[in-house]
Amino acid sequence: SFWLMICDHHLTTYLRCQAGYADGTANYAY
């Protein structure tokens, strides 16, 4: 349960977000 979201595609019509662990590594396991 300890993770963060990286939302790096801020546009006026949409937002893209990717989840990762709190240390910044991506989480593609769950």
PDB file of all heavy atoms in Angstrom:
ATOM      1  N   SER A   1       0.802  -1.211   0.000  1.00  0.00           N
ATOM      2  CA  SER A   1       0.000   0.000   0.000  1.00  0.00           C
ATOM      3  C   SER A   1       0.842   1.272   0.000  1.00  0.00           C
ATOM      4  O   SER A   1       0.295   2.349   0.059  1.00  0.00           O
ATOM      5  CB  SER A   1      -0.912   0.007   1.233  1.00  0.00           C
ATOM      6  OG  SER A   1      -0.140  -0.051   2.413  1.00  0.00           O
ATOM      7  N   PHE A   2       2.159   1.166  -0.056  1.00  0.00           N
ATOM      8  CA  PHE A   2       3.011   2.352  -0.001  1.00  0.00           C
ATOM      9  C   PHE A   2       3.535   2.644  -1.395  1.00  0.00           C
ATOM     10  O   PHE A   2       4.477   2.037  -1.860  1.00  0.00           O
ATOM     11  CB  PHE A   2       4.156   2.103   0.991  1.00  0.00           C
ATOM     12  CG  PHE A   2       4.880   3.352   1.377  1.00  0.00           C
ATOM     13  CD1 PHE A   2       4.204   4.384   1.993  1.00  0.00           C
ATOM     14  CD2 PHE A   2       6.221   3.504   1.125  1.00  0.00           C
ATOM     15  CE1 PHE A   2       4.856   5.545   2.357  1.00  0.00           C
ATOM     16  CE2 PHE A   2       6.893   4.666   1.475  1.00  0.00           C
ATOM     17  CZ  PHE A   2       6.208   5.678   2.098  1.00  0.00           C
ATOM     18  N   TRP A   3       2.877   3.580  -2.085  1.00  0.00           N
ATOM     19  CA  TRP A   3       3.223   3.842  -3.475  1.00  0.00           C
ATOM     20  C   TRP A   3       2.890   5.275  -3.828  1.00  0.00           C
ATOM     21  O   TRP A   3       2.299   6.000  -3.055  1.00  0.00           O
ATOM     22  CB  TRP A   3       2.484   2.871  -4.390  1.00  0.00           C
ATOM     23  CG  TRP A   3       0.998   2.901  -4.212  1.00  0.00           C
ATOM     24  CD1 TRP A   3       0.265   2.248  -3.272  1.00  0.00           C
ATOM     25  CD2 TRP A   3       0.065   3.659  -4.965  1.00  0.00           C
ATOM     26  NE1 TRP A   3      -1.059   2.529  -3.397  1.00  0.00           N
ATOM     27  CE2 TRP A   3      -1.214   3.388  -4.441  1.00  0.00           C
ATOM     28  CE3 TRP A   3       0.175   4.515  -6.043  1.00  0.00           C
ATOM     29  CZ2 TRP A   3      -2.367   3.966  -4.958  1.00  0.00           C
ATOM     30  CZ3 TRP A   3      -0.973   5.081  -6.551  1.00  0.00           C
ATOM     31  CH2 TRP A   3      -2.220   4.800  -6.010  1.00  0.00           C
ATOM     32  N   LEU A   4       3.238   5.685  -5.032  1.00  0.00           N
ATOM     33  CA  LEU A   4       2.927   7.030  -5.497  1.00  0.00           C
ATOM     34  C   LEU A   4       2.488   6.987  -6.944  1.00  0.00           C
ATOM     35  O   LEU A   4       2.698   6.003  -7.647  1.00  0.00           O
ATOM     36  CB  LEU A   4       4.120   7.960  -5.327  1.00  0.00           C
ATOM     37  CG  LEU A   4       5.416   7.595  -6.054  1.00  0.00           C
ATOM     38  CD1 LEU A   4       5.405   8.156  -7.461  1.00  0.00           C
ATOM     39  CD2 LEU A   4       6.602   8.135  -5.285  1.00  0.00           C
ATOM     40  N   MET A   5       1.875   8.062  -7.384  1.00  0.00           N
ATOM     41  CA  MET A   5       1.462   8.182  -8.781  1.00  0.00           C
ATOM     42  C   MET A   5       2.286   9.271  -9.438  1.00  0.00           C
ATOM     43  O   MET A   5       2.522  10.326  -8.850  1.00  0.00           O
ATOM     44  CB  MET A   5      -0.019   8.558  -8.882  1.00  0.00           C
ATOM     45  CG  MET A   5      -0.954   7.445  -8.522  1.00  0.00           C
ATOM     46  SD  MET A   5      -0.734   5.947  -9.478  1.00  0.00           S
ATOM     47  CE  MET A   5      -1.199   6.484 -11.093  1.00  0.00           C
ATOM     48  N   ILE A   6       2.722   9.002 -10.636  1.00  0.00           N
ATOM     49  CA  ILE A   6       3.428   9.990 -11.436  1.00  0.00           C
ATOM     50  C   ILE A   6       2.486  10.400 -12.559  1.00  0.00           C
ATOM     51  O   ILE A   6       2.131   9.585 -13.405  1.00  0.00           O
ATOM     52  CB  ILE A   6       4.732   9.403 -12.001  1.00  0.00           C
ATOM     53  CG1 ILE A   6       5.621   8.924 -10.867  1.00  0.00           C
ATOM     54  CG2 ILE A   6       5.438  10.418 -12.892  1.00  0.00           C
ATOM     55  CD1 ILE A   6       6.737   8.020 -11.305  1.00  0.00           C
ATOM     56  N   CYS A   7       2.047  11.635 -12.516  1.00  0.00           N
ATOM     57  CA  CYS A   7       1.133  12.147 -13.537  1.00  0.00           C
ATOM     58  C   CYS A   7       1.896  13.205 -14.322  1.00  0.00           C
ATOM     59  O   CYS A   7       1.900  14.382 -13.977  1.00  0.00           O
ATOM     60  CB  CYS A   7      -0.123  12.724 -12.898  1.00  0.00           C
ATOM     61  SG  CYS A   7      -1.063  11.517 -11.940  1.00  0.00           S
ATOM     62  N   ASP A   8       2.585  12.751 -15.364  1.00  0.00           N
ATOM     63  CA  ASP A   8       3.495  13.649 -16.067  1.00  0.00           C
ATOM     64  C   ASP A   8       2.986  14.121 -17.418  1.00  0.00           C
ATOM     65  O   ASP A   8       3.691  14.787 -18.137  1.00  0.00           O
ATOM     66  CB  ASP A   8       4.871  12.996 -16.225  1.00  0.00           C
ATOM     67  CG  ASP A   8       4.803  11.656 -16.934  1.00  0.00           C
ATOM     68  OD1 ASP A   8       3.691  11.210 -17.253  1.00  0.00           O
ATOM     69  OD2 ASP A   8       5.864  11.061 -17.160  1.00  0.00           O
ATOM     70  N   HIS A   9       1.789  13.802 -17.776  1.00  0.00           N
ATOM     71  CA  HIS A   9       1.202  14.280 -19.023  1.00  0.00           C
ATOM     72  C   HIS A   9      -0.019  15.131 -18.693  1.00  0.00           C
ATOM     73  O   HIS A   9      -1.151  14.700 -18.854  1.00  0.00           O
ATOM     74  CB  HIS A   9       0.814  13.099 -19.922  1.00  0.00           C
ATOM     75  CG  HIS A   9       1.967  12.295 -20.384  1.00  0.00           C
ATOM     76  ND1 HIS A   9       2.482  11.255 -19.651  1.00  0.00           N
ATOM     77  CD2 HIS A   9       2.728  12.396 -21.491  1.00  0.00           C
ATOM     78  CE1 HIS A   9       3.494  10.722 -20.305  1.00  0.00           C
ATOM     79  NE2 HIS A   9       3.669  11.395 -21.425  1.00  0.00           N
ATOM     80  N   HIS A  10       0.219  16.332 -18.174  1.00  0.00           N
ATOM     81  CA  HIS A  10      -0.853  17.271 -17.822  1.00  0.00           C
ATOM     82  C   HIS A  10      -1.277  18.007 -19.086  1.00  0.00           C
ATOM     83  O   HIS A  10      -0.543  18.851 -19.589  1.00  0.00           O
ATOM     84  CB  HIS A  10      -0.304  18.324 -16.843  1.00  0.00           C
ATOM     85  CG  HIS A  10      -0.628  18.071 -15.430  1.00  0.00           C
ATOM     86  ND1 HIS A  10      -1.175  19.037 -14.626  1.00  0.00           N
ATOM     87  CD2 HIS A  10      -0.487  16.996 -14.645  1.00  0.00           C
ATOM     88  CE1 HIS A  10      -1.342  18.573 -13.413  1.00  0.00           C
ATOM     89  NE2 HIS A  10      -0.926  17.324 -13.405  1.00  0.00           N
ATOM     90  N   LEU A  11      -2.441  17.739 -19.589  1.00  0.00           N
ATOM     91  CA  LEU A  11      -2.995  18.499 -20.707  1.00  0.00           C
ATOM     92  C   LEU A  11      -4.383  18.973 -20.313  1.00  0.00           C
ATOM     93  O   LEU A  11      -4.948  18.507 -19.324  1.00  0.00           O
ATOM     94  CB  LEU A  11      -3.050  17.640 -21.970  1.00  0.00           C
ATOM     95  CG  LEU A  11      -1.671  17.237 -22.504  1.00  0.00           C
ATOM     96  CD1 LEU A  11      -1.794  16.159 -23.557  1.00  0.00           C
ATOM     97  CD2 LEU A  11      -0.955  18.445 -23.075  1.00  0.00           C
ATOM     98  N   THR A  12      -4.950  19.897 -21.034  1.00  0.00           N
ATOM     99  CA  THR A  12      -6.262  20.425 -20.665  1.00  0.00           C
ATOM    100  C   THR A  12      -7.383  19.433 -20.939  1.00  0.00           C
ATOM    101  O   THR A  12      -8.443  19.525 -20.334  1.00  0.00           O
ATOM    102  CB  THR A  12      -6.557  21.739 -21.407  1.00  0.00           C
ATOM    103  OG1 THR A  12      -6.502  21.498 -22.818  1.00  0.00           O
ATOM    104  CG2 THR A  12      -5.565  22.823 -21.020  1.00  0.00           C
ATOM    105  N   THR A  13      -7.164  18.467 -21.828  1.00  0.00           N
ATOM    106  CA  THR A  13      -8.220  17.526 -22.205  1.00  0.00           C
ATOM    107  C   THR A  13      -8.032  16.133 -21.611  1.00  0.00           C
ATOM    108  O   THR A  13      -8.955  15.324 -21.652  1.00  0.00           O
ATOM    109  CB  THR A  13      -8.317  17.393 -23.730  1.00  0.00           C
ATOM    110  OG1 THR A  13      -7.026  17.017 -24.241  1.00  0.00           O
ATOM    111  CG2 THR A  13      -8.762  18.705 -24.356  1.00  0.00           C
ATOM    112  N   TYR A  14      -6.847  15.835 -21.078  1.00  0.00           N
ATOM    113  CA  TYR A  14      -6.621  14.539 -20.449  1.00  0.00           C
ATOM    114  C   TYR A  14      -5.410  14.584 -19.538  1.00  0.00           C
ATOM    115  O   TYR A  14      -4.604  15.511 -19.575  1.00  0.00           O
ATOM    116  CB  TYR A  14      -6.483  13.411 -21.481  1.00  0.00           C
ATOM    117  CG  TYR A  14      -5.204  13.426 -22.287  1.00  0.00           C
ATOM    118  CD1 TYR A  14      -4.046  12.807 -21.808  1.00  0.00           C
ATOM    119  CD2 TYR A  14      -5.152  14.031 -23.531  1.00  0.00           C
ATOM    120  CE1 TYR A  14      -2.865  12.811 -22.553  1.00  0.00           C
ATOM    121  CE2 TYR A  14      -3.983  14.032 -24.268  1.00  0.00           C
ATOM    122  CZ  TYR A  14      -2.848  13.414 -23.788  1.00  0.00           C
ATOM    123  OH  TYR A  14      -1.699  13.417 -24.510  1.00  0.00           O
ATOM    124  N   LEU A  15      -5.289  13.534 -18.717  1.00  0.00           N
ATOM    125  CA  LEU A  15      -4.178  13.381 -17.778  1.00  0.00           C
ATOM    126  C   LEU A  15      -3.745  11.925 -17.810  1.00  0.00           C
ATOM    127  O   LEU A  15      -4.587  11.022 -17.734  1.00  0.00           O
ATOM    128  CB  LEU A  15      -4.633  13.756 -16.370  1.00  0.00           C
ATOM    129  CG  LEU A  15      -3.659  13.506 -15.219  1.00  0.00           C
ATOM    130  CD1 LEU A  15      -2.465  14.464 -15.324  1.00  0.00           C
ATOM    131  CD2 LEU A  15      -4.355  13.678 -13.895  1.00  0.00           C
ATOM    132  N   ARG A  16      -2.428  11.686 -17.951  1.00  0.00           N
ATOM    133  CA  ARG A  16      -1.912  10.313 -17.924  1.00  0.00           C
ATOM    134  C   ARG A  16      -1.104  10.105 -16.659  1.00  0.00           C
ATOM    135  O   ARG A  16      -0.248  10.923 -16.324  1.00  0.00           O
ATOM    136  CB  ARG A  16      -1.051  10.021 -19.148  1.00  0.00           C
ATOM    137  CG  ARG A  16      -0.614   8.558 -19.208  1.00  0.00           C
ATOM    138  CD  ARG A  16       0.013   8.205 -20.519  1.00  0.00           C
ATOM    139  NE  ARG A  16       0.450   6.803 -20.546  1.00  0.00           N
ATOM    140  CZ  ARG A  16       0.986   6.231 -21.598  1.00  0.00           C
ATOM    141  NH1 ARG A  16       1.128   6.910 -22.719  1.00  0.00           N
ATOM    142  NH2 ARG A  16       1.366   4.967 -21.536  1.00  0.00           N
ATOM    143  N   CYS A  17      -1.388   9.011 -15.939  1.00  0.00           N
ATOM    144  CA  CYS A  17      -0.725   8.719 -14.674  1.00  0.00           C
ATOM    145  C   CYS A  17      -0.197   7.285 -14.676  1.00  0.00           C
ATOM    146  O   CYS A  17      -0.818   6.385 -15.240  1.00  0.00           O
ATOM    147  CB  CYS A  17      -1.692   8.871 -13.507  1.00  0.00           C
ATOM    148  SG  CYS A  17      -2.358  10.528 -13.298  1.00  0.00           S
ATOM    149  N   GLN A  18       0.942   7.109 -13.988  1.00  0.00           N
ATOM    150  CA  GLN A  18       1.545   5.799 -13.814  1.00  0.00           C
ATOM    151  C   GLN A  18       1.874   5.611 -12.348  1.00  0.00           C
ATOM    152  O   GLN A  18       2.335   6.536 -11.686  1.00  0.00           O
ATOM    153  CB  GLN A  18       2.802   5.674 -14.659  1.00  0.00           C
ATOM    154  CG  GLN A  18       2.523   5.794 -16.144  1.00  0.00           C
ATOM    155  CD  GLN A  18       3.783   5.988 -16.953  1.00  0.00           C
ATOM    156  OE1 GLN A  18       4.607   6.813 -16.630  1.00  0.00           O
ATOM    157  NE2 GLN A  18       3.903   5.202 -18.014  1.00  0.00           N
ATOM    158  N   ALA A  19       1.658   4.384 -11.845  1.00  0.00           N
ATOM    159  CA  ALA A  19       1.891   4.091 -10.432  1.00  0.00           C
ATOM    160  C   ALA A  19       3.297   3.551 -10.223  1.00  0.00           C
ATOM    161  O   ALA A  19       3.866   2.903 -11.087  1.00  0.00           O
ATOM    162  CB  ALA A  19       0.875   3.073  -9.930  1.00  0.00           C
ATOM    163  N   GLY A  20       3.847   3.841  -9.045  1.00  0.00           N
ATOM    164  CA  GLY A  20       5.147   3.312  -8.674  1.00  0.00           C
ATOM    165  C   GLY A  20       5.271   3.251  -7.171  1.00  0.00           C
ATOM    166  O   GLY A  20       4.391   3.681  -6.442  1.00  0.00           O
ATOM    167  N   TYR A  21       6.375   2.699  -6.723  1.00  0.00           N
ATOM    168  CA  TYR A  21       6.654   2.650  -5.296  1.00  0.00           C
ATOM    169  C   TYR A  21       7.151   4.011  -4.819  1.00  0.00           C
ATOM    170  O   TYR A  21       7.558   4.855  -5.613  1.00  0.00           O
ATOM    171  CB  TYR A  21       7.688   1.569  -4.997  1.00  0.00           C
ATOM    172  CG  TYR A  21       7.142   0.176  -5.155  1.00  0.00           C
ATOM    173  CD1 TYR A  21       7.579  -0.646  -6.178  1.00  0.00           C
ATOM    174  CD2 TYR A  21       6.176  -0.306  -4.278  1.00  0.00           C
ATOM    175  CE1 TYR A  21       7.074  -1.928  -6.318  1.00  0.00           C
ATOM    176  CE2 TYR A  21       5.660  -1.581  -4.425  1.00  0.00           C
ATOM    177  CZ  TYR A  21       6.120  -2.380  -5.443  1.00  0.00           C
ATOM    178  OH  TYR A  21       5.609  -3.638  -5.585  1.00  0.00           O
ATOM    179  N   ALA A  22       7.133   4.223  -3.523  1.00  0.00           N
ATOM    180  CA  ALA A  22       7.533   5.512  -2.960  1.00  0.00           C
ATOM    181  C   ALA A  22       8.988   5.855  -3.263  1.00  0.00           C
ATOM    182  O   ALA A  22       9.361   7.011  -3.236  1.00  0.00           O
ATOM    183  CB  ALA A  22       7.293   5.523  -1.455  1.00  0.00           C
ATOM    184  N   ASP A  23       9.840   4.856  -3.580  1.00  0.00           N
ATOM    185  CA  ASP A  23      11.230   5.148  -3.916  1.00  0.00           C
ATOM    186  C   ASP A  23      11.397   5.557  -5.375  1.00  0.00           C
ATOM    187  O   ASP A  23      12.509   5.798  -5.844  1.00  0.00           O
ATOM    188  CB  ASP A  23      12.137   3.958  -3.589  1.00  0.00           C
ATOM    189  CG  ASP A  23      11.850   2.738  -4.450  1.00  0.00           C
ATOM    190  OD1 ASP A  23      10.973   2.808  -5.342  1.00  0.00           O
ATOM    191  OD2 ASP A  23      12.507   1.705  -4.228  1.00  0.00           O
ATOM    192  N   GLY A  24      10.278   5.645  -6.117  1.00  0.00           N
ATOM    193  CA  GLY A  24      10.321   6.102  -7.501  1.00  0.00           C
ATOM    194  C   GLY A  24      10.394   4.993  -8.523  1.00  0.00           C
ATOM    195  O   GLY A  24      10.290   5.256  -9.720  1.00  0.00           O
ATOM    196  N   THR A  25      10.588   3.751  -8.115  1.00  0.00           N
ATOM    197  CA  THR A  25      10.630   2.654  -9.070  1.00  0.00           C
ATOM    198  C   THR A  25       9.213   2.303  -9.510  1.00  0.00           C
ATOM    199  O   THR A  25       8.264   2.443  -8.752  1.00  0.00           O
ATOM    200  CB  THR A  25      11.304   1.395  -8.469  1.00  0.00           C
ATOM    201  OG1 THR A  25      10.584   1.003  -7.308  1.00  0.00           O
ATOM    202  CG2 THR A  25      12.749   1.684  -8.112  1.00  0.00           C
ATOM    203  N   ALA A  26       9.098   1.866 -10.743  1.00  0.00           N
ATOM    204  CA  ALA A  26       7.785   1.532 -11.287  1.00  0.00           C
ATOM    205  C   ALA A  26       7.260   0.259 -10.650  1.00  0.00           C
ATOM    206  O   ALA A  26       8.022  -0.599 -10.226  1.00  0.00           O
ATOM    207  CB  ALA A  26       7.888   1.349 -12.792  1.00  0.00           C
ATOM    208  N   ASN A  27       5.943   0.163 -10.580  1.00  0.00           N
ATOM    209  CA  ASN A  27       5.321  -1.056 -10.056  1.00  0.00           C
ATOM    210  C   ASN A  27       4.486  -1.676 -11.164  1.00  0.00           C
ATOM    211  O   ASN A  27       3.393  -1.214 -11.447  1.00  0.00           O
ATOM    212  CB  ASN A  27       4.438  -0.757  -8.852  1.00  0.00           C
ATOM    213  CG  ASN A  27       3.796  -2.020  -8.309  1.00  0.00           C
ATOM    214  OD1 ASN A  27       3.962  -3.105  -8.846  1.00  0.00           O
ATOM    215  ND2 ASN A  27       3.063  -1.872  -7.242  1.00  0.00           N
ATOM    216  N   TYR A  28       5.029  -2.674 -11.795  1.00  0.00           N
ATOM    217  CA  TYR A  28       4.298  -3.372 -12.840  1.00  0.00           C
ATOM    218  C   TYR A  28       3.879  -4.765 -12.393  1.00  0.00           C
ATOM    219  O   TYR A  28       3.458  -5.574 -13.192  1.00  0.00           O
ATOM    220  CB  TYR A  28       5.140  -3.443 -14.112  1.00  0.00           C
ATOM    221  CG  TYR A  28       5.461  -2.069 -14.639  1.00  0.00           C
ATOM    222  CD1 TYR A  28       6.741  -1.568 -14.593  1.00  0.00           C
ATOM    223  CD2 TYR A  28       4.438  -1.259 -15.137  1.00  0.00           C
ATOM    224  CE1 TYR A  28       7.026  -0.303 -15.066  1.00  0.00           C
ATOM    225  CE2 TYR A  28       4.708   0.011 -15.606  1.00  0.00           C
ATOM    226  CZ  TYR A  28       6.004   0.487 -15.569  1.00  0.00           C
ATOM    227  OH  TYR A  28       6.276   1.742 -16.018  1.00  0.00           O
ATOM    228  N   ALA A  29       4.023  -5.058 -11.112  1.00  0.00           N
ATOM    229  CA  ALA A  29       3.685  -6.385 -10.608  1.00  0.00           C
ATOM    230  C   ALA A  29       2.234  -6.490 -10.174  1.00  0.00           C
ATOM    231  O   ALA A  29       1.664  -7.572 -10.211  1.00  0.00           O
ATOM    232  CB  ALA A  29       4.600  -6.735  -9.435  1.00  0.00           C
ATOM    233  N   TYR A  30       1.629  -5.399  -9.745  1.00  0.00           N
ATOM    234  CA  TYR A  30       0.278  -5.454  -9.196  1.00  0.00           C
ATOM    235  C   TYR A  30      -0.608  -4.414  -9.876  1.00  0.00           C
ATOM    236  O   TYR A  30      -0.190  -3.293 -10.116  1.00  0.00           O
ATOM    237  CB  TYR A  30       0.293  -5.182  -7.692  1.00  0.00           C
ATOM    238  CG  TYR A  30       1.135  -6.169  -6.928  1.00  0.00           C
ATOM    239  CD1 TYR A  30       2.376  -5.800  -6.438  1.00  0.00           C
ATOM    240  CD2 TYR A  30       0.687  -7.465  -6.706  1.00  0.00           C
ATOM    241  CE1 TYR A  30       3.157  -6.697  -5.742  1.00  0.00           C
ATOM    242  CE2 TYR A  30       1.457  -8.366  -6.018  1.00  0.00           C
ATOM    243  CZ  TYR A  30       2.695  -7.980  -5.532  1.00  0.00           C
ATOM    244  OH  TYR A  30       3.449  -8.877  -4.851  1.00  0.00           O
TER     245      TYR A  30
END
